């Protein structure tokens, strides 16, 4: 019984590793190679207003 559980866990780990590699190399139009679409261009910087009590 323990061997069956270990085998299932091993196959699940292989599946998830294979899926991760497949998604990495099957990247869409992303700027990086992972295909996760998290590497979008940085937003423009927001202007920072210095508080009056810190102006010297």
C-alpha atoms as a PDB file:
ATOM      1  CA  UNK A   1       0.000   0.000   0.000  1.00  0.00           C
ATOM      2  CA  UNK A   2       2.819   2.409   0.838  1.00  0.00           C
ATOM      3  CA  UNK A   3       4.458   1.752  -2.514  1.00  0.00           C
ATOM      4  CA  UNK A   4       1.246   2.705  -4.310  1.00  0.00           C
ATOM      5  CA  UNK A   5       1.008   6.006  -2.421  1.00  0.00           C
ATOM      6  CA  UNK A   6       4.669   6.797  -3.133  1.00  0.00           C
ATOM      7  CA  UNK A   7       4.145   5.928  -6.802  1.00  0.00           C
ATOM      8  CA  UNK A   8       1.130   8.236  -7.051  1.00  0.00           C
ATOM      9  CA  UNK A   9       3.050  11.073  -5.391  1.00  0.00           C
ATOM     10  CA  UNK A  10       5.996  10.508  -7.714  1.00  0.00           C
ATOM     11  CA  UNK A  11       3.779  10.561 -10.809  1.00  0.00           C
ATOM     12  CA  UNK A  12       2.044  13.719  -9.579  1.00  0.00           C
ATOM     13  CA  UNK A  13       5.415  15.415  -9.066  1.00  0.00           C
ATOM     14  CA  UNK A  14       6.510  14.387 -12.568  1.00  0.00           C
ATOM     15  CA  UNK A  15       3.273  15.743 -14.001  1.00  0.00           C
ATOM     16  CA  UNK A  16       3.635  19.146 -12.325  1.00  0.00           C
ATOM     17  CA  UNK A  17       7.313  19.446 -13.254  1.00  0.00           C
ATOM     18  CA  UNK A  18       6.536  18.544 -16.849  1.00  0.00           C
ATOM     19  CA  UNK A  19       3.689  21.030 -16.963  1.00  0.00           C
ATOM     20  CA  UNK A  20       5.951  23.780 -15.621  1.00  0.00           C
ATOM     21  CA  UNK A  21       8.632  23.042 -18.230  1.00  0.00           C
ATOM     22  CA  UNK A  22       6.031  22.887 -20.991  1.00  0.00           C
ATOM     23  CA  UNK A  23       4.589  26.278 -20.020  1.00  0.00           C
ATOM     24  CA  UNK A  24       8.079  27.771 -19.784  1.00  0.00           C
ATOM     25  CA  UNK A  25       9.008  26.802 -23.333  1.00  0.00           C
ATOM     26  CA  UNK A  26       5.556  27.459 -24.762  1.00  0.00           C
ATOM     27  CA  UNK A  27       5.692  31.143 -23.783  1.00  0.00           C
ATOM     28  CA  UNK A  28       3.217  33.365 -25.575  1.00  0.00           C
ATOM     29  CA  UNK A  29       4.051  36.970 -26.400  1.00  0.00           C
ATOM     30  CA  UNK A  30       5.604  37.629 -23.041  1.00  0.00           C
ATOM     31  CA  UNK A  31       8.653  39.790 -22.472  1.00  0.00           C
ATOM     32  CA  UNK A  32      10.284  37.028 -20.455  1.00  0.00           C
ATOM     33  CA  UNK A  33      10.533  33.325 -21.102  1.00  0.00           C
ATOM     34  CA  UNK A  34       8.287  31.934 -18.400  1.00  0.00           C
ATOM     35  CA  UNK A  35       4.925  32.609 -20.038  1.00  0.00           C
ATOM     36  CA  UNK A  36       3.270  33.703 -16.808  1.00  0.00           C
ATOM     37  CA  UNK A  37       2.453  37.252 -18.078  1.00  0.00           C
ATOM     38  CA  UNK A  38       3.666  38.764 -14.814  1.00  0.00           C
ATOM     39  CA  UNK A  39       6.538  40.585 -16.522  1.00  0.00           C
ATOM     40  CA  UNK A  40       4.485  43.447 -17.855  1.00  0.00           C
ATOM     41  CA  UNK A  41       6.126  46.827 -18.385  1.00  0.00           C
ATOM     42  CA  UNK A  42       6.543  48.857 -15.224  1.00  0.00           C
ATOM     43  CA  UNK A  43       3.885  51.536 -14.696  1.00  0.00           C
ATOM     44  CA  UNK A  44       4.947  55.144 -14.911  1.00  0.00           C
ATOM     45  CA  UNK A  45       6.317  56.611 -11.709  1.00  0.00           C
ATOM     46  CA  UNK A  46       3.829  58.480  -9.550  1.00  0.00           C
ATOM     47  CA  UNK A  47       4.856  61.999  -8.584  1.00  0.00           C
ATOM     48  CA  UNK A  48       5.916  62.273  -4.958  1.00  0.00           C
ATOM     49  CA  UNK A  49       4.903  65.358  -3.021  1.00  0.00           C
ATOM     50  CA  UNK A  50       7.223  66.150  -0.131  1.00  0.00           C
ATOM     51  CA  UNK A  51       5.322  66.968   3.081  1.00  0.00           C
ATOM     52  CA  UNK A  52       5.659  70.608   4.112  1.00  0.00           C
ATOM     53  CA  UNK A  53       7.162  69.822   7.512  1.00  0.00           C
ATOM     54  CA  UNK A  54      10.045  67.944   5.830  1.00  0.00           C
ATOM     55  CA  UNK A  55      10.936  70.718   3.406  1.00  0.00           C
ATOM     56  CA  UNK A  56      13.952  72.486   4.728  1.00  0.00           C
END
